[in-house]
């Protein structure tokens, strides 16, 4: 039996988020996060192969991380997996810094 090996470590989190797809907004919760993507649960998840924008609240009173463009890679009931495609340089720095903190947290 072949075991799936991920290139990037994902971290279990519970972060509020907002998704936009063709002008429709949906609230959700990020369940797993990496610098390249996330898995989340949403009121109205998008279909596989569609593209969304995403805003992730990192808590702690900071401004949310905004993902300009993410591709929906899988959907299972109210959960979906997103691959981050376009992220502004300053948002990417913020996202990577947050993931680094997660890596260093026991």
N, C-alpha and C. Protein backbone atom coordinates (compact mmCIF):
# COMPACT_ATOMS: atom_id res chain seq x y z
N UNK A 1 0.85 -1.18 0.00
CA UNK A 1 0.00 0.00 0.00
C UNK A 1 0.89 1.24 0.00
N UNK A 2 0.64 2.12 -0.94
CA UNK A 2 1.45 3.33 -1.05
C UNK A 2 0.92 4.41 -0.12
N UNK A 3 1.82 4.99 0.62
CA UNK A 3 1.42 6.06 1.54
C UNK A 3 1.68 7.41 0.88
N UNK A 4 0.71 8.31 1.03
CA UNK A 4 0.86 9.64 0.43
C UNK A 4 1.95 10.40 1.17
N UNK A 5 2.87 10.96 0.40
CA UNK A 5 3.90 11.78 1.05
C UNK A 5 3.75 13.21 0.56
N UNK A 6 3.64 14.09 1.50
CA UNK A 6 3.45 15.50 1.17
C UNK A 6 4.80 16.19 1.09
N UNK A 7 4.89 17.15 0.18
CA UNK A 7 6.11 17.93 0.05
C UNK A 7 6.24 18.93 1.19
N UNK A 8 5.11 19.35 1.71
CA UNK A 8 5.08 20.42 2.71
C UNK A 8 4.29 19.95 3.92
N UNK A 9 4.81 20.26 5.10
CA UNK A 9 4.09 19.89 6.32
C UNK A 9 2.88 20.80 6.50
N UNK A 10 1.74 20.19 6.88
CA UNK A 10 0.53 20.96 7.17
C UNK A 10 0.35 20.99 8.68
N UNK A 11 -0.26 22.06 9.16
CA UNK A 11 -0.47 22.23 10.59
C UNK A 11 -1.95 22.34 10.89
N UNK A 12 -2.39 21.61 11.92
CA UNK A 12 -3.79 21.66 12.35
C UNK A 12 -4.03 22.98 13.05
N UNK A 13 -5.00 23.73 12.59
CA UNK A 13 -5.34 25.04 13.17
C UNK A 13 -6.86 25.15 13.18
N UNK A 14 -7.35 26.19 13.79
CA UNK A 14 -8.77 26.57 13.67
C UNK A 14 -8.80 28.08 13.54
N UNK A 15 -8.75 28.54 12.29
CA UNK A 15 -8.69 29.97 12.01
C UNK A 15 -9.91 30.38 11.19
N UNK A 16 -10.61 31.43 11.62
CA UNK A 16 -11.75 31.91 10.82
C UNK A 16 -11.27 32.42 9.46
N UNK A 17 -12.09 32.21 8.45
CA UNK A 17 -11.73 32.70 7.11
C UNK A 17 -12.99 33.11 6.36
N UNK A 18 -12.74 33.83 5.27
CA UNK A 18 -13.82 34.22 4.36
C UNK A 18 -13.37 33.84 2.95
N UNK A 19 -14.29 33.27 2.19
CA UNK A 19 -14.03 32.87 0.80
C UNK A 19 -14.88 33.72 -0.13
N UNK A 20 -14.32 34.09 -1.26
CA UNK A 20 -15.09 34.78 -2.30
C UNK A 20 -14.97 33.99 -3.58
N UNK A 21 -16.12 33.72 -4.20
CA UNK A 21 -16.16 33.00 -5.46
C UNK A 21 -17.21 33.66 -6.33
N UNK A 22 -16.78 34.30 -7.41
CA UNK A 22 -17.71 34.99 -8.31
C UNK A 22 -18.62 35.96 -7.57
N UNK A 23 -18.06 36.70 -6.62
CA UNK A 23 -18.82 37.70 -5.90
C UNK A 23 -19.62 37.18 -4.72
N UNK A 24 -19.66 35.87 -4.53
CA UNK A 24 -20.38 35.28 -3.39
C UNK A 24 -19.41 35.08 -2.23
N UNK A 25 -19.79 35.54 -1.03
CA UNK A 25 -18.95 35.40 0.16
C UNK A 25 -19.46 34.24 1.01
N UNK A 26 -18.51 33.49 1.56
CA UNK A 26 -18.85 32.37 2.44
C UNK A 26 -17.90 32.39 3.63
N UNK A 27 -18.44 32.23 4.84
CA UNK A 27 -17.59 32.14 6.02
C UNK A 27 -17.15 30.70 6.21
N UNK A 28 -15.95 30.53 6.76
CA UNK A 28 -15.44 29.19 6.99
C UNK A 28 -14.40 29.15 8.08
N UNK A 29 -13.78 27.98 8.23
CA UNK A 29 -12.72 27.78 9.21
C UNK A 29 -11.60 26.99 8.56
N UNK A 30 -10.38 27.53 8.60
CA UNK A 30 -9.21 26.80 8.10
C UNK A 30 -8.87 25.73 9.13
N UNK A 31 -8.74 24.47 8.69
CA UNK A 31 -8.46 23.34 9.58
C UNK A 31 -7.00 22.91 9.50
N UNK A 32 -6.42 23.00 8.32
CA UNK A 32 -5.00 22.67 8.10
C UNK A 32 -4.39 23.76 7.24
N UNK A 33 -3.16 24.16 7.58
CA UNK A 33 -2.54 25.28 6.89
C UNK A 33 -1.08 24.99 6.59
N UNK A 34 -0.65 25.38 5.40
CA UNK A 34 0.77 25.41 5.04
C UNK A 34 0.97 26.70 4.25
N UNK A 35 2.21 26.97 3.88
CA UNK A 35 2.47 28.18 3.09
C UNK A 35 1.97 28.03 1.65
N UNK A 36 1.66 26.79 1.23
CA UNK A 36 1.22 26.55 -0.15
C UNK A 36 -0.28 26.31 -0.29
N UNK A 37 -0.97 26.12 0.83
CA UNK A 37 -2.40 25.83 0.71
C UNK A 37 -3.04 25.55 2.06
N UNK A 38 -4.30 25.14 2.00
CA UNK A 38 -5.02 24.85 3.25
C UNK A 38 -6.19 23.92 2.97
N UNK A 39 -6.69 23.34 4.05
CA UNK A 39 -7.95 22.61 4.01
C UNK A 39 -8.89 23.37 4.93
N UNK A 40 -10.14 23.51 4.51
CA UNK A 40 -11.07 24.29 5.32
C UNK A 40 -12.47 23.72 5.21
N UNK A 41 -13.28 24.18 6.13
CA UNK A 41 -14.71 23.87 6.07
C UNK A 41 -15.43 25.19 5.83
N UNK A 42 -16.45 25.17 4.98
CA UNK A 42 -17.15 26.41 4.63
C UNK A 42 -18.65 26.15 4.50
N UNK A 43 -19.42 27.22 4.68
CA UNK A 43 -20.88 27.12 4.53
C UNK A 43 -21.24 26.63 3.13
N UNK A 44 -20.56 27.18 2.14
CA UNK A 44 -20.83 26.86 0.74
C UNK A 44 -19.50 26.63 0.03
N UNK A 45 -18.91 25.43 0.16
CA UNK A 45 -17.63 25.21 -0.51
C UNK A 45 -17.78 25.28 -2.02
N UNK A 46 -16.74 25.72 -2.67
CA UNK A 46 -16.75 25.83 -4.13
C UNK A 46 -16.50 24.46 -4.76
N UNK A 47 -16.73 24.36 -6.04
CA UNK A 47 -16.52 23.11 -6.77
C UNK A 47 -15.04 22.91 -7.09
N UNK A 48 -14.66 21.65 -7.30
CA UNK A 48 -13.30 21.33 -7.70
C UNK A 48 -12.98 22.07 -9.01
N UNK A 49 -11.74 22.55 -9.11
CA UNK A 49 -11.23 23.26 -10.29
C UNK A 49 -11.75 24.68 -10.43
N UNK A 50 -12.48 25.20 -9.44
CA UNK A 50 -12.85 26.60 -9.49
C UNK A 50 -11.77 27.40 -8.73
N UNK A 51 -11.85 28.70 -8.85
CA UNK A 51 -10.87 29.58 -8.21
C UNK A 51 -11.58 30.53 -7.26
N UNK A 52 -10.93 30.77 -6.13
CA UNK A 52 -11.51 31.61 -5.09
C UNK A 52 -10.46 32.58 -4.57
N UNK A 53 -10.93 33.59 -3.87
CA UNK A 53 -10.07 34.46 -3.07
C UNK A 53 -10.36 34.10 -1.62
N UNK A 54 -9.39 34.33 -0.75
CA UNK A 54 -9.50 33.87 0.62
C UNK A 54 -8.87 34.87 1.56
N UNK A 55 -9.49 35.08 2.70
CA UNK A 55 -8.94 35.92 3.76
C UNK A 55 -8.91 35.09 5.03
N UNK A 56 -7.70 34.90 5.60
CA UNK A 56 -7.54 34.07 6.79
C UNK A 56 -7.21 34.95 7.98
N UNK A 57 -8.01 34.85 9.03
CA UNK A 57 -7.79 35.61 10.25
C UNK A 57 -6.79 34.84 11.12
N UNK A 58 -5.59 35.40 11.32
CA UNK A 58 -4.57 34.73 12.10
C UNK A 58 -4.75 34.93 13.60
N UNK A 59 -5.81 35.62 13.98
CA UNK A 59 -6.12 35.91 15.39
C UNK A 59 -5.04 36.85 15.95
N UNK A 60 -5.08 37.11 17.22
CA UNK A 60 -4.07 37.99 17.82
C UNK A 60 -4.18 39.44 17.39
N UNK A 61 -5.30 39.83 16.79
CA UNK A 61 -5.51 41.23 16.44
C UNK A 61 -4.78 41.71 15.20
N UNK A 62 -4.09 40.80 14.49
CA UNK A 62 -3.38 41.21 13.27
C UNK A 62 -4.35 41.29 12.10
N UNK A 63 -3.92 42.02 11.07
CA UNK A 63 -4.69 42.05 9.83
C UNK A 63 -4.73 40.64 9.24
N UNK A 64 -5.82 40.25 8.61
CA UNK A 64 -5.88 38.91 7.99
C UNK A 64 -4.89 38.76 6.84
N UNK A 65 -4.53 37.54 6.53
CA UNK A 65 -3.73 37.24 5.34
C UNK A 65 -4.70 37.07 4.19
N UNK A 66 -4.48 37.79 3.12
CA UNK A 66 -5.35 37.72 1.94
C UNK A 66 -4.66 36.93 0.84
N UNK A 67 -5.35 35.91 0.37
CA UNK A 67 -4.86 35.09 -0.74
C UNK A 67 -5.65 35.55 -1.97
N UNK A 68 -4.95 36.14 -2.93
CA UNK A 68 -5.62 36.71 -4.10
C UNK A 68 -6.30 35.65 -4.95
N UNK A 69 -5.61 34.51 -5.14
CA UNK A 69 -6.16 33.46 -5.99
C UNK A 69 -5.75 32.10 -5.45
N UNK A 70 -6.75 31.23 -5.26
CA UNK A 70 -6.50 29.86 -4.81
C UNK A 70 -7.36 28.92 -5.65
N UNK A 71 -6.79 27.77 -5.98
CA UNK A 71 -7.53 26.76 -6.75
C UNK A 71 -8.11 25.71 -5.82
N UNK A 72 -9.37 25.35 -6.04
CA UNK A 72 -10.01 24.30 -5.25
C UNK A 72 -9.55 22.96 -5.84
N UNK A 73 -8.85 22.15 -5.03
CA UNK A 73 -8.27 20.90 -5.51
C UNK A 73 -9.09 19.67 -5.14
N UNK A 74 -9.85 19.74 -4.05
CA UNK A 74 -10.75 18.64 -3.68
C UNK A 74 -11.89 19.18 -2.83
N UNK A 75 -13.01 18.47 -2.86
CA UNK A 75 -14.18 18.83 -2.05
C UNK A 75 -14.77 17.55 -1.48
N UNK A 76 -15.10 17.58 -0.19
CA UNK A 76 -15.75 16.45 0.47
C UNK A 76 -16.77 17.03 1.45
N UNK A 77 -18.04 16.95 1.10
CA UNK A 77 -19.12 17.55 1.88
C UNK A 77 -18.85 19.03 2.08
N UNK A 78 -18.68 19.50 3.32
CA UNK A 78 -18.47 20.92 3.55
C UNK A 78 -16.98 21.29 3.64
N UNK A 79 -16.10 20.33 3.37
CA UNK A 79 -14.65 20.59 3.41
C UNK A 79 -14.09 20.70 2.00
N UNK A 80 -13.04 21.49 1.88
CA UNK A 80 -12.36 21.56 0.59
C UNK A 80 -10.88 21.87 0.82
N UNK A 81 -10.08 21.54 -0.18
CA UNK A 81 -8.65 21.80 -0.13
C UNK A 81 -8.29 22.83 -1.17
N UNK A 82 -7.50 23.82 -0.76
CA UNK A 82 -7.11 24.90 -1.66
C UNK A 82 -5.60 24.92 -1.86
N UNK A 83 -5.19 25.20 -3.08
CA UNK A 83 -3.79 25.45 -3.39
C UNK A 83 -3.66 26.94 -3.65
N UNK A 84 -2.74 27.60 -2.91
CA UNK A 84 -2.54 29.03 -3.09
C UNK A 84 -1.78 29.25 -4.39
N UNK A 85 -2.35 30.07 -5.27
CA UNK A 85 -1.74 30.32 -6.58
C UNK A 85 -1.11 31.70 -6.66
N UNK A 86 -1.86 32.71 -6.22
CA UNK A 86 -1.32 34.08 -6.27
C UNK A 86 -1.50 34.73 -4.92
N UNK A 87 -0.36 35.10 -4.33
CA UNK A 87 -0.34 35.76 -3.03
C UNK A 87 0.63 36.93 -3.15
N UNK A 88 0.23 38.11 -2.70
CA UNK A 88 1.12 39.27 -2.80
C UNK A 88 2.37 39.02 -1.94
N UNK A 89 3.51 39.60 -2.31
CA UNK A 89 4.76 39.36 -1.57
C UNK A 89 4.64 39.65 -0.07
N UNK A 90 3.98 40.75 0.31
CA UNK A 90 3.89 41.06 1.74
C UNK A 90 2.99 40.07 2.47
N UNK A 91 1.92 39.59 1.82
CA UNK A 91 1.05 38.59 2.44
C UNK A 91 1.77 37.25 2.55
N UNK A 92 2.59 36.92 1.56
CA UNK A 92 3.34 35.67 1.59
C UNK A 92 4.34 35.68 2.75
N UNK A 93 4.99 36.81 2.98
CA UNK A 93 5.93 36.94 4.11
C UNK A 93 5.17 36.71 5.41
N UNK A 94 4.01 37.32 5.53
CA UNK A 94 3.20 37.18 6.75
C UNK A 94 2.74 35.73 6.96
N UNK A 95 2.31 35.10 5.88
CA UNK A 95 1.86 33.71 5.95
C UNK A 95 3.01 32.79 6.34
N UNK A 96 4.16 32.96 5.70
CA UNK A 96 5.32 32.11 6.01
C UNK A 96 5.79 32.32 7.45
N UNK A 97 5.73 33.55 7.95
CA UNK A 97 6.13 33.83 9.34
C UNK A 97 5.18 33.11 10.30
N UNK A 98 3.89 33.11 9.99
CA UNK A 98 2.91 32.43 10.83
C UNK A 98 3.16 30.92 10.82
N UNK A 99 3.40 30.36 9.65
CA UNK A 99 3.67 28.91 9.54
C UNK A 99 4.96 28.56 10.29
N UNK A 100 5.95 29.43 10.23
CA UNK A 100 7.20 29.19 10.95
C UNK A 100 6.95 29.10 12.45
N UNK A 101 6.10 29.96 12.98
CA UNK A 101 5.72 29.91 14.40
C UNK A 101 5.07 28.56 14.71
N UNK A 102 4.19 28.09 13.80
CA UNK A 102 3.53 26.80 14.01
C UNK A 102 4.57 25.66 14.03
N UNK A 103 5.56 25.74 13.14
CA UNK A 103 6.62 24.73 13.09
C UNK A 103 7.39 24.66 14.40
N UNK A 104 7.58 25.80 15.02
CA UNK A 104 8.41 25.88 16.22
C UNK A 104 7.62 25.66 17.51
N UNK A 105 6.31 25.52 17.39
CA UNK A 105 5.46 25.31 18.56
C UNK A 105 5.39 23.81 18.84
N UNK A 106 5.75 23.41 20.08
CA UNK A 106 5.73 21.96 20.39
C UNK A 106 4.33 21.38 20.35
